[in-house]
């Protein structure tokens, strides 16, 4: 798939079928993630690939209750598109045990070597996460970029054995889509581009 077509149709997919993702596709996703740039080519990223149903069920149990509690107040008064996004996010956390694959994108604070700074953790992890999401789209897989770990970071660390010196940056559920891909809704370029200054 052309990279521009992948970008244009890389809608967040929050409804996934339970069909397993083949090993070679999983490896291709991580390969794509590691083609991303990183500060000074430090490559401080790490990826926890979760397919074990028992682990996913434990994560779902923790996330589901926190997501419901956290979104109840948010749901009131939302415009329809935002309400759909919120509903999809809640659905995804509640059905996480059936998701075939969850990739937890992590990174270490290692750059610059003589005085590491946290900002470089994020500038390493997020391009890798974006590459993974685009690769998933190119392979016909649905995914979405999520930050659920902020709701239950201690539990994520304990359930998945993630060391304290590793930053959990994003969680990306991946699987075959249960809803169609389609064009992303974005502002026109003219509204966001400032030529030769603001």
N, C-alpha and C. Protein backbone atom coordinates (compact mmCIF):
# COMPACT_ATOMS: atom_id res chain seq x y z
N UNK A 1 0.84 -1.18 0.00
CA UNK A 1 0.00 0.00 0.00
C UNK A 1 0.89 1.24 0.00
N UNK A 2 0.51 2.21 -0.81
CA UNK A 2 1.22 3.48 -0.86
C UNK A 2 1.17 4.14 0.52
N UNK A 3 2.28 4.74 0.95
CA UNK A 3 2.36 5.32 2.29
C UNK A 3 1.33 6.44 2.47
N UNK A 4 1.04 7.21 1.43
CA UNK A 4 0.07 8.29 1.55
C UNK A 4 -1.35 7.75 1.69
N UNK A 5 -1.63 6.65 1.01
CA UNK A 5 -2.94 6.01 1.17
C UNK A 5 -3.08 5.46 2.59
N UNK A 6 -2.00 4.87 3.10
CA UNK A 6 -2.03 4.36 4.47
C UNK A 6 -2.31 5.49 5.46
N UNK A 7 -1.65 6.62 5.29
CA UNK A 7 -1.88 7.76 6.18
C UNK A 7 -3.31 8.27 6.09
N UNK A 8 -3.84 8.36 4.86
CA UNK A 8 -5.18 8.91 4.66
C UNK A 8 -6.28 8.00 5.20
N UNK A 9 -6.02 6.70 5.27
CA UNK A 9 -7.05 5.75 5.70
C UNK A 9 -6.72 5.08 7.04
N UNK A 10 -5.78 5.64 7.76
CA UNK A 10 -5.34 5.05 9.03
C UNK A 10 -6.20 5.57 10.18
N UNK A 11 -7.48 5.31 10.06
CA UNK A 11 -8.44 5.70 11.08
C UNK A 11 -8.22 4.84 12.34
N UNK A 12 -8.46 5.40 13.50
CA UNK A 12 -8.38 4.64 14.75
C UNK A 12 -9.44 3.55 14.73
N UNK A 13 -9.01 2.30 14.85
CA UNK A 13 -9.94 1.17 14.83
C UNK A 13 -10.05 0.64 16.26
N UNK A 14 -11.23 0.81 16.85
CA UNK A 14 -11.46 0.41 18.24
C UNK A 14 -12.33 -0.84 18.36
N UNK A 15 -12.75 -1.36 17.22
CA UNK A 15 -13.54 -2.60 17.20
C UNK A 15 -12.75 -3.62 16.39
N UNK A 16 -12.26 -4.64 17.08
CA UNK A 16 -11.36 -5.62 16.46
C UNK A 16 -11.94 -7.03 16.57
N UNK A 17 -11.70 -7.84 15.55
CA UNK A 17 -12.11 -9.24 15.61
C UNK A 17 -11.09 -10.02 16.43
N UNK A 18 -11.48 -11.14 17.03
CA UNK A 18 -10.55 -11.90 17.87
C UNK A 18 -9.57 -12.79 17.10
N UNK A 19 -9.68 -12.85 15.77
CA UNK A 19 -8.80 -13.72 14.98
C UNK A 19 -7.33 -13.42 15.27
N UNK A 20 -6.52 -14.46 15.44
CA UNK A 20 -5.10 -14.22 15.77
C UNK A 20 -4.35 -13.52 14.64
N UNK A 21 -3.36 -12.73 15.03
CA UNK A 21 -2.47 -12.07 14.08
C UNK A 21 -1.26 -12.98 13.90
N UNK A 22 -0.96 -13.39 12.66
CA UNK A 22 0.17 -14.31 12.43
C UNK A 22 1.50 -13.76 12.94
N UNK A 23 2.37 -14.67 13.38
CA UNK A 23 3.68 -14.30 13.93
C UNK A 23 4.47 -13.40 12.99
N UNK A 24 4.43 -13.72 11.68
CA UNK A 24 5.24 -12.93 10.74
C UNK A 24 4.74 -11.50 10.66
N UNK A 25 3.43 -11.28 10.85
CA UNK A 25 2.90 -9.92 10.86
C UNK A 25 3.32 -9.18 12.14
N UNK A 26 3.30 -9.90 13.25
CA UNK A 26 3.72 -9.29 14.52
C UNK A 26 5.18 -8.83 14.39
N UNK A 27 6.01 -9.69 13.85
CA UNK A 27 7.41 -9.33 13.68
C UNK A 27 7.58 -8.15 12.72
N UNK A 28 6.75 -8.12 11.68
CA UNK A 28 6.81 -7.01 10.71
C UNK A 28 6.42 -5.69 11.38
N UNK A 29 5.44 -5.73 12.28
CA UNK A 29 5.03 -4.52 13.00
C UNK A 29 6.18 -3.96 13.85
N UNK A 30 6.85 -4.86 14.57
CA UNK A 30 7.96 -4.40 15.42
C UNK A 30 9.13 -3.95 14.55
N UNK A 31 9.35 -4.65 13.44
CA UNK A 31 10.39 -4.23 12.50
C UNK A 31 10.10 -2.81 12.03
N UNK A 32 8.86 -2.54 11.64
CA UNK A 32 8.49 -1.20 11.17
C UNK A 32 8.69 -0.16 12.26
N UNK A 33 8.31 -0.51 13.49
CA UNK A 33 8.48 0.42 14.60
C UNK A 33 9.94 0.80 14.78
N UNK A 34 10.83 -0.17 14.60
CA UNK A 34 12.26 0.09 14.81
C UNK A 34 12.93 0.75 13.61
N UNK A 35 12.17 1.04 12.56
CA UNK A 35 12.70 1.84 11.44
C UNK A 35 12.52 3.33 11.72
N UNK A 36 11.86 3.67 12.80
CA UNK A 36 11.60 5.08 13.13
C UNK A 36 12.89 5.79 13.53
N UNK A 37 12.90 7.11 13.42
CA UNK A 37 14.06 7.85 13.92
C UNK A 37 14.05 7.87 15.44
N UNK A 38 15.22 8.08 16.01
CA UNK A 38 15.34 8.27 17.45
C UNK A 38 16.48 9.25 17.69
N UNK A 39 16.47 9.95 18.82
CA UNK A 39 17.50 10.96 19.07
C UNK A 39 18.90 10.36 19.04
N UNK A 40 19.75 10.88 18.18
CA UNK A 40 21.12 10.39 18.09
C UNK A 40 21.19 8.91 17.73
N UNK A 41 20.15 8.39 17.08
CA UNK A 41 20.04 6.97 16.76
C UNK A 41 20.21 6.11 18.02
N UNK A 42 19.71 6.62 19.14
CA UNK A 42 19.86 5.92 20.43
C UNK A 42 19.02 4.65 20.52
N UNK A 43 17.90 4.59 19.79
CA UNK A 43 17.06 3.39 19.74
C UNK A 43 16.70 2.86 21.13
N UNK A 44 16.22 3.76 21.98
CA UNK A 44 15.90 3.38 23.35
C UNK A 44 14.55 2.70 23.52
N UNK A 45 13.90 2.37 22.43
CA UNK A 45 12.57 1.76 22.50
C UNK A 45 12.63 0.29 22.93
N UNK A 46 11.53 -0.16 23.50
CA UNK A 46 11.31 -1.57 23.85
C UNK A 46 9.82 -1.82 23.62
N UNK A 47 9.45 -3.05 23.28
CA UNK A 47 8.06 -3.37 22.96
C UNK A 47 7.63 -4.64 23.69
N UNK A 48 6.57 -4.53 24.47
CA UNK A 48 6.00 -5.70 25.13
C UNK A 48 4.82 -6.14 24.27
N UNK A 49 4.93 -7.32 23.68
CA UNK A 49 3.88 -7.85 22.80
C UNK A 49 3.06 -8.84 23.62
N UNK A 50 1.79 -8.51 23.82
CA UNK A 50 0.94 -9.32 24.70
C UNK A 50 -0.12 -10.03 23.85
N UNK A 51 -0.10 -11.36 23.91
CA UNK A 51 -1.12 -12.16 23.23
C UNK A 51 -1.80 -13.14 24.20
N UNK A 52 -1.21 -13.31 25.36
CA UNK A 52 -1.74 -14.25 26.35
C UNK A 52 -3.09 -13.76 26.86
N UNK A 53 -4.13 -14.58 26.68
CA UNK A 53 -5.49 -14.20 27.05
C UNK A 53 -5.63 -13.89 28.54
N UNK A 54 -4.93 -14.64 29.39
CA UNK A 54 -5.04 -14.41 30.84
C UNK A 54 -4.47 -13.04 31.20
N UNK A 55 -3.35 -12.68 30.59
CA UNK A 55 -2.76 -11.35 30.85
C UNK A 55 -3.67 -10.25 30.34
N UNK A 56 -4.21 -10.44 29.13
CA UNK A 56 -5.12 -9.44 28.56
C UNK A 56 -6.37 -9.29 29.43
N UNK A 57 -6.87 -10.40 29.97
CA UNK A 57 -8.05 -10.35 30.83
C UNK A 57 -7.75 -9.58 32.11
N UNK A 58 -6.57 -9.76 32.67
CA UNK A 58 -6.19 -9.02 33.88
C UNK A 58 -6.09 -7.52 33.59
N UNK A 59 -5.48 -7.18 32.46
CA UNK A 59 -5.39 -5.77 32.08
C UNK A 59 -6.79 -5.19 31.84
N UNK A 60 -7.65 -5.97 31.17
CA UNK A 60 -9.01 -5.51 30.89
C UNK A 60 -9.78 -5.26 32.18
N UNK A 61 -9.62 -6.15 33.16
CA UNK A 61 -10.31 -5.98 34.44
C UNK A 61 -9.92 -4.69 35.12
N UNK A 62 -8.64 -4.39 35.12
CA UNK A 62 -8.16 -3.16 35.75
C UNK A 62 -8.59 -1.93 34.97
N UNK A 63 -8.40 -1.98 33.64
CA UNK A 63 -8.70 -0.81 32.81
C UNK A 63 -10.20 -0.55 32.69
N UNK A 64 -10.98 -1.62 32.56
CA UNK A 64 -12.42 -1.46 32.34
C UNK A 64 -13.08 -0.65 33.44
N UNK A 65 -12.81 -1.00 34.68
CA UNK A 65 -13.46 -0.28 35.79
C UNK A 65 -12.98 1.16 35.88
N UNK A 66 -11.70 1.39 35.63
CA UNK A 66 -11.18 2.76 35.71
C UNK A 66 -11.66 3.61 34.54
N UNK A 67 -11.76 2.99 33.39
CA UNK A 67 -12.24 3.72 32.21
C UNK A 67 -13.70 4.13 32.40
N UNK A 68 -14.53 3.22 32.89
CA UNK A 68 -15.94 3.55 33.12
C UNK A 68 -16.06 4.69 34.12
N UNK A 69 -15.29 4.61 35.21
CA UNK A 69 -15.36 5.66 36.23
C UNK A 69 -14.88 7.00 35.67
N UNK A 70 -13.81 6.95 34.89
CA UNK A 70 -13.23 8.19 34.37
C UNK A 70 -14.01 8.83 33.24
N UNK A 71 -14.82 8.05 32.53
CA UNK A 71 -15.51 8.60 31.37
C UNK A 71 -16.97 8.93 31.64
N UNK A 72 -17.51 8.50 32.77
CA UNK A 72 -18.93 8.75 33.05
C UNK A 72 -19.24 10.24 32.98
N UNK A 73 -18.44 11.06 33.65
CA UNK A 73 -18.68 12.50 33.66
C UNK A 73 -18.38 13.13 32.30
N UNK A 74 -17.38 12.60 31.60
CA UNK A 74 -17.00 13.16 30.30
C UNK A 74 -18.08 13.00 29.25
N UNK A 75 -18.87 11.93 29.35
CA UNK A 75 -19.83 11.59 28.30
C UNK A 75 -20.95 12.62 28.14
N UNK A 76 -21.26 13.34 29.20
CA UNK A 76 -22.37 14.29 29.14
C UNK A 76 -22.01 15.50 28.28
N UNK A 77 -22.90 15.82 27.36
CA UNK A 77 -22.73 17.03 26.56
C UNK A 77 -21.72 16.95 25.44
N UNK A 78 -21.23 15.77 25.12
CA UNK A 78 -20.27 15.64 24.03
C UNK A 78 -20.98 15.73 22.68
N UNK A 79 -20.31 16.28 21.70
CA UNK A 79 -20.85 16.25 20.35
C UNK A 79 -20.79 14.81 19.85
N UNK A 80 -21.62 14.43 18.88
CA UNK A 80 -21.75 13.03 18.47
C UNK A 80 -20.43 12.33 18.11
N UNK A 81 -19.54 13.01 17.38
CA UNK A 81 -18.29 12.35 16.98
C UNK A 81 -17.42 12.05 18.19
N UNK A 82 -17.37 12.97 19.15
CA UNK A 82 -16.59 12.73 20.37
C UNK A 82 -17.22 11.63 21.23
N UNK A 83 -18.55 11.61 21.27
CA UNK A 83 -19.26 10.55 22.01
C UNK A 83 -18.96 9.18 21.42
N UNK A 84 -18.89 9.09 20.07
CA UNK A 84 -18.55 7.82 19.41
C UNK A 84 -17.14 7.38 19.75
N UNK A 85 -16.20 8.31 19.78
CA UNK A 85 -14.82 8.00 20.12
C UNK A 85 -14.75 7.46 21.55
N UNK A 86 -15.42 8.14 22.46
CA UNK A 86 -15.43 7.72 23.86
C UNK A 86 -16.06 6.34 24.02
N UNK A 87 -17.18 6.13 23.34
CA UNK A 87 -17.85 4.83 23.39
C UNK A 87 -16.93 3.72 22.87
N UNK A 88 -16.23 4.00 21.77
CA UNK A 88 -15.30 3.03 21.21
C UNK A 88 -14.14 2.73 22.14
N UNK A 89 -13.64 3.76 22.82
CA UNK A 89 -12.52 3.56 23.76
C UNK A 89 -12.95 2.69 24.93
N UNK A 90 -14.14 2.95 25.46
CA UNK A 90 -14.66 2.13 26.56
C UNK A 90 -14.85 0.70 26.09
N UNK A 91 -15.45 0.54 24.90
CA UNK A 91 -15.64 -0.81 24.35
C UNK A 91 -14.30 -1.56 24.25
N UNK A 92 -13.29 -0.87 23.77
CA UNK A 92 -11.99 -1.52 23.56
C UNK A 92 -11.37 -1.97 24.87
N UNK A 93 -11.46 -1.14 25.90
CA UNK A 93 -10.89 -1.56 27.19
C UNK A 93 -11.69 -2.73 27.76
N UNK A 94 -13.01 -2.70 27.60
CA UNK A 94 -13.84 -3.77 28.15
C UNK A 94 -13.69 -5.08 27.39
N UNK A 95 -13.33 -5.01 26.12
CA UNK A 95 -13.18 -6.23 25.32
C UNK A 95 -11.72 -6.59 25.09
N UNK A 96 -10.83 -6.01 25.86
CA UNK A 96 -9.39 -6.21 25.67
C UNK A 96 -8.99 -7.69 25.74
N UNK A 97 -9.69 -8.48 26.52
CA UNK A 97 -9.36 -9.90 26.64
C UNK A 97 -9.55 -10.64 25.32
N UNK A 98 -10.37 -10.10 24.41
CA UNK A 98 -10.61 -10.73 23.11
C UNK A 98 -9.72 -10.15 22.00
N UNK A 99 -9.01 -9.07 22.29
CA UNK A 99 -8.13 -8.46 21.30
C UNK A 99 -6.97 -9.43 21.04
N UNK A 100 -6.62 -9.67 19.78
CA UNK A 100 -5.58 -10.66 19.52
C UNK A 100 -4.17 -10.22 19.90
N UNK A 101 -3.95 -8.92 19.97
CA UNK A 101 -2.58 -8.45 20.17
C UNK A 101 -2.60 -7.06 20.81
N UNK A 102 -1.78 -6.89 21.83
CA UNK A 102 -1.58 -5.58 22.43
C UNK A 102 -0.09 -5.31 22.45
N UNK A 103 0.31 -4.20 21.85
CA UNK A 103 1.73 -3.82 21.87
C UNK A 103 1.87 -2.64 22.83
N UNK A 104 2.69 -2.83 23.84
CA UNK A 104 2.97 -1.77 24.81
C UNK A 104 4.32 -1.17 24.41
N UNK A 105 4.27 0.09 23.99
CA UNK A 105 5.47 0.78 23.53
C UNK A 105 6.14 1.43 24.73
N UNK A 106 7.38 1.07 24.96
CA UNK A 106 8.14 1.58 26.10
C UNK A 106 9.44 2.20 25.60
N UNK A 107 10.11 2.93 26.47
CA UNK A 107 11.41 3.49 26.11
C UNK A 107 12.22 3.75 27.37
N UNK A 108 13.51 3.74 27.19
CA UNK A 108 14.44 4.02 28.30
C UNK A 108 14.99 5.44 28.18
N UNK A 109 15.25 6.04 29.30
CA UNK A 109 15.81 7.39 29.36
C UNK A 109 17.33 7.28 29.24
N UNK A 110 17.82 7.30 27.97
CA UNK A 110 19.24 7.04 27.72
C UNK A 110 19.94 8.10 26.88
N UNK A 111 19.23 9.18 26.53
CA UNK A 111 19.84 10.15 25.62
C UNK A 111 19.67 11.57 26.15
N UNK A 112 20.71 12.41 26.01
CA UNK A 112 22.08 12.07 25.60
C UNK A 112 22.78 11.24 26.67
N UNK A 113 23.72 10.40 26.28
CA UNK A 113 24.32 9.45 27.23
C UNK A 113 24.89 10.09 28.49
N UNK A 114 25.48 11.28 28.35
CA UNK A 114 26.12 11.92 29.51
C UNK A 114 25.12 12.61 30.44
N UNK A 115 23.92 12.92 29.95
CA UNK A 115 22.91 13.60 30.77
C UNK A 115 21.53 13.34 30.18
N UNK A 116 21.00 12.13 30.34
CA UNK A 116 19.70 11.80 29.73
C UNK A 116 18.59 12.74 30.18
N UNK A 117 17.69 13.07 29.23
CA UNK A 117 16.56 13.95 29.51
C UNK A 117 15.27 13.25 29.07
N UNK A 118 14.23 13.39 29.88
CA UNK A 118 12.97 12.68 29.63
C UNK A 118 12.35 13.03 28.28
N UNK A 119 12.51 14.25 27.80
CA UNK A 119 11.90 14.64 26.53
C UNK A 119 12.31 13.71 25.40
N UNK A 120 13.53 13.17 25.47
CA UNK A 120 14.02 12.30 24.41
C UNK A 120 13.41 10.91 24.49
N UNK A 121 12.87 10.53 25.64
CA UNK A 121 12.14 9.27 25.75
C UNK A 121 10.95 9.32 24.80
N UNK A 122 10.20 10.42 24.85
CA UNK A 122 8.98 10.56 24.04
C UNK A 122 9.31 10.74 22.57
N UNK A 123 10.40 11.47 22.26
CA UNK A 123 10.76 11.66 20.85
C UNK A 123 11.31 10.39 20.24
N UNK A 124 11.62 9.41 21.06
CA UNK A 124 12.01 8.08 20.58
C UNK A 124 10.78 7.18 20.43
N UNK A 125 9.92 7.16 21.43
CA UNK A 125 8.80 6.21 21.46
C UNK A 125 7.67 6.55 20.49
N UNK A 126 7.31 7.82 20.39
CA UNK A 126 6.14 8.17 19.58
C UNK A 126 6.34 7.96 18.07
N UNK A 127 7.50 8.30 17.50
CA UNK A 127 7.69 7.95 16.08
C UNK A 127 7.63 6.43 15.85
N UNK A 128 8.16 5.66 16.78
CA UNK A 128 8.11 4.19 16.66
C UNK A 128 6.66 3.72 16.70
N UNK A 129 5.87 4.29 17.61
CA UNK A 129 4.46 3.93 17.72
C UNK A 129 3.71 4.29 16.44
N UNK A 130 3.98 5.45 15.87
CA UNK A 130 3.32 5.86 14.63
C UNK A 130 3.70 4.92 13.48
N UNK A 131 4.97 4.55 13.40
CA UNK A 131 5.38 3.60 12.36
C UNK A 131 4.61 2.29 12.51
N UNK A 132 4.45 1.83 13.74
CA UNK A 132 3.74 0.58 13.99
C UNK A 132 2.28 0.67 13.53
N UNK A 133 1.63 1.77 13.86
CA UNK A 133 0.23 1.97 13.48
C UNK A 133 0.09 2.03 11.95
N UNK A 134 0.99 2.73 11.27
CA UNK A 134 0.93 2.80 9.80
C UNK A 134 1.22 1.44 9.17
N UNK A 135 2.17 0.70 9.75
CA UNK A 135 2.47 -0.64 9.23
C UNK A 135 1.26 -1.56 9.41
N UNK A 136 0.58 -1.44 10.54
CA UNK A 136 -0.62 -2.24 10.76
C UNK A 136 -1.65 -1.95 9.66
N UNK A 137 -1.85 -0.68 9.36
CA UNK A 137 -2.81 -0.31 8.31
C UNK A 137 -2.40 -0.89 6.97
N UNK A 138 -1.10 -0.81 6.65
CA UNK A 138 -0.61 -1.33 5.37
C UNK A 138 -0.81 -2.84 5.27
N UNK A 139 -0.82 -3.53 6.40
CA UNK A 139 -1.01 -4.98 6.44
C UNK A 139 -2.48 -5.37 6.54
N UNK A 140 -3.38 -4.37 6.54
CA UNK A 140 -4.81 -4.66 6.66
C UNK A 140 -5.27 -4.89 8.08
N UNK A 141 -4.44 -4.49 9.04
CA UNK A 141 -4.78 -4.63 10.45
C UNK A 141 -5.26 -3.30 11.01
N UNK A 142 -6.21 -3.36 11.92
CA UNK A 142 -6.68 -2.17 12.60
C UNK A 142 -5.90 -1.97 13.89
N UNK A 143 -5.77 -0.73 14.29
CA UNK A 143 -5.09 -0.41 15.55
C UNK A 143 -5.52 0.98 15.99
N UNK A 144 -5.13 1.33 17.18
CA UNK A 144 -5.32 2.70 17.65
C UNK A 144 -4.25 3.00 18.68
N UNK A 145 -3.85 4.23 18.72
CA UNK A 145 -2.84 4.72 19.67
C UNK A 145 -3.57 5.08 20.96
N UNK A 146 -3.21 4.44 22.05
CA UNK A 146 -3.89 4.70 23.33
C UNK A 146 -2.87 4.96 24.42
N UNK A 147 -3.33 5.63 25.47
CA UNK A 147 -2.47 5.89 26.63
C UNK A 147 -3.14 5.38 27.90
N UNK A 148 -3.75 4.20 27.81
CA UNK A 148 -4.44 3.60 28.95
C UNK A 148 -3.56 3.39 30.15
N UNK A 149 -2.26 3.21 29.92
CA UNK A 149 -1.36 2.92 31.04
C UNK A 149 -1.40 4.02 32.10
N UNK A 150 -1.83 5.21 31.71
CA UNK A 150 -1.90 6.30 32.70
C UNK A 150 -3.00 6.05 33.73
N UNK A 151 -3.97 5.21 33.38
CA UNK A 151 -5.04 4.88 34.32
C UNK A 151 -4.62 3.81 35.32
N UNK A 152 -3.64 3.01 34.96
CA UNK A 152 -3.29 1.86 35.81
C UNK A 152 -1.82 1.48 35.62
N UNK A 153 -0.94 2.45 35.75
CA UNK A 153 0.47 2.18 35.45
C UNK A 153 1.07 1.14 36.39
N UNK A 154 0.77 1.22 37.66
CA UNK A 154 1.34 0.25 38.61
C UNK A 154 0.91 -1.17 38.25
N UNK A 155 -0.36 -1.32 37.88
CA UNK A 155 -0.87 -2.64 37.51
C UNK A 155 -0.25 -3.13 36.21
N UNK A 156 -0.08 -2.24 35.24
CA UNK A 156 0.58 -2.61 33.99
C UNK A 156 1.97 -3.15 34.28
N UNK A 157 2.71 -2.41 35.11
CA UNK A 157 4.07 -2.84 35.44
C UNK A 157 4.08 -4.20 36.12
N UNK A 158 3.16 -4.37 37.05
CA UNK A 158 3.13 -5.62 37.82
C UNK A 158 2.70 -6.79 36.93
N UNK A 159 1.64 -6.62 36.16
CA UNK A 159 1.11 -7.71 35.33
C UNK A 159 2.10 -8.10 34.23
N UNK A 160 2.76 -7.12 33.62
CA UNK A 160 3.65 -7.39 32.49
C UNK A 160 5.12 -7.42 32.88
N UNK A 161 5.44 -7.18 34.15
CA UNK A 161 6.83 -7.25 34.61
C UNK A 161 7.71 -6.16 34.03
N UNK A 162 7.15 -4.99 33.80
CA UNK A 162 7.91 -3.88 33.20
C UNK A 162 8.73 -3.20 34.31
N UNK A 163 10.05 -3.11 34.12
CA UNK A 163 10.90 -2.50 35.16
C UNK A 163 10.57 -1.04 35.42
N UNK A 164 10.89 -0.58 36.61
CA UNK A 164 10.61 0.81 37.01
C UNK A 164 11.39 1.83 36.20
N UNK A 165 12.55 1.45 35.68
CA UNK A 165 13.36 2.42 34.94
C UNK A 165 12.99 2.49 33.45
N UNK A 166 11.89 1.86 33.08
CA UNK A 166 11.39 1.89 31.71
C UNK A 166 10.09 2.69 31.70
N UNK A 167 9.97 3.65 30.79
CA UNK A 167 8.76 4.46 30.67
C UNK A 167 7.76 3.75 29.76
N UNK A 168 6.53 3.61 30.25
CA UNK A 168 5.46 3.06 29.40
C UNK A 168 4.87 4.25 28.66
N UNK A 169 4.98 4.25 27.33
CA UNK A 169 4.63 5.43 26.53
C UNK A 169 3.28 5.33 25.83
N UNK A 170 2.91 4.15 25.39
CA UNK A 170 1.65 3.98 24.65
C UNK A 170 1.24 2.52 24.64
N UNK A 171 -0.05 2.29 24.48
CA UNK A 171 -0.56 0.93 24.31
C UNK A 171 -1.31 0.90 22.99
N UNK A 172 -1.00 -0.09 22.16
CA UNK A 172 -1.59 -0.16 20.83
C UNK A 172 -2.23 -1.53 20.63
N UNK A 173 -3.57 -1.61 20.75
CA UNK A 173 -4.26 -2.85 20.41
C UNK A 173 -4.28 -3.03 18.90
N UNK A 174 -4.07 -4.26 18.45
CA UNK A 174 -3.97 -4.55 17.02
C UNK A 174 -4.78 -5.80 16.69
N UNK A 175 -5.46 -5.78 15.56
CA UNK A 175 -6.19 -6.95 15.10
C UNK A 175 -6.88 -6.67 13.77
N UNK A 176 -7.57 -7.65 13.28
CA UNK A 176 -8.34 -7.45 12.05
C UNK A 176 -9.56 -6.60 12.39
N UNK A 177 -9.82 -5.57 11.59
CA UNK A 177 -10.90 -4.63 11.92
C UNK A 177 -12.29 -5.24 11.82
N UNK A 178 -13.15 -4.84 12.75
CA UNK A 178 -14.55 -5.24 12.73
C UNK A 178 -15.41 -4.12 12.16
N UNK A 179 -14.77 -3.01 11.82
CA UNK A 179 -15.42 -1.87 11.18
C UNK A 179 -14.53 -1.47 10.00
N UNK A 180 -15.07 -0.82 8.99
CA UNK A 180 -14.25 -0.51 7.80
C UNK A 180 -13.23 0.59 8.04
N UNK A 181 -12.14 0.50 7.30
CA UNK A 181 -11.21 1.61 7.23
C UNK A 181 -11.89 2.73 6.47
N UNK A 182 -11.40 3.92 6.64
CA UNK A 182 -11.98 5.04 5.89
C UNK A 182 -11.07 6.24 6.04
N UNK A 183 -11.40 7.33 5.35
CA UNK A 183 -10.54 8.51 5.44
C UNK A 183 -10.57 9.11 6.84
N UNK A 184 -9.44 9.64 7.24
CA UNK A 184 -9.36 10.31 8.54
C UNK A 184 -9.98 11.70 8.41
N UNK A 185 -10.53 12.22 9.49
CA UNK A 185 -11.11 13.57 9.50
C UNK A 185 -10.05 14.53 10.03
N UNK A 186 -9.54 15.38 9.18
CA UNK A 186 -8.48 16.31 9.57
C UNK A 186 -8.78 17.70 9.05
N UNK A 187 -8.22 18.70 9.73
CA UNK A 187 -8.33 20.09 9.26
C UNK A 187 -7.60 20.23 7.93
N UNK A 188 -8.06 21.16 7.09
CA UNK A 188 -7.33 21.41 5.84
C UNK A 188 -5.93 21.96 6.13
N UNK A 189 -5.00 21.62 5.26
CA UNK A 189 -3.61 22.07 5.41
C UNK A 189 -3.54 23.58 5.55
N UNK A 190 -4.35 24.30 4.79
CA UNK A 190 -4.31 25.77 4.80
C UNK A 190 -4.61 26.35 6.20
N UNK A 191 -5.35 25.60 7.02
CA UNK A 191 -5.68 26.08 8.36
C UNK A 191 -4.54 25.92 9.37
N UNK A 192 -3.58 25.08 9.05
CA UNK A 192 -2.54 24.78 10.04
C UNK A 192 -1.13 25.12 9.56
N UNK A 193 -0.96 25.47 8.30
CA UNK A 193 0.38 25.75 7.78
C UNK A 193 0.65 27.25 7.81
N UNK A 194 1.77 27.63 8.39
CA UNK A 194 2.19 29.03 8.45
C UNK A 194 3.49 29.15 7.64
N UNK A 195 3.42 29.77 6.50
CA UNK A 195 4.54 29.84 5.58
C UNK A 195 5.47 31.00 5.92
N UNK A 196 6.73 30.69 6.12
CA UNK A 196 7.78 31.68 6.44
C UNK A 196 7.53 32.45 7.72
N UNK A 197 6.82 31.85 8.66
CA UNK A 197 6.55 32.49 9.95
C UNK A 197 5.10 32.31 10.33
N UNK A 198 4.75 32.69 11.54
CA UNK A 198 3.36 32.49 12.02
C UNK A 198 2.43 33.44 11.32
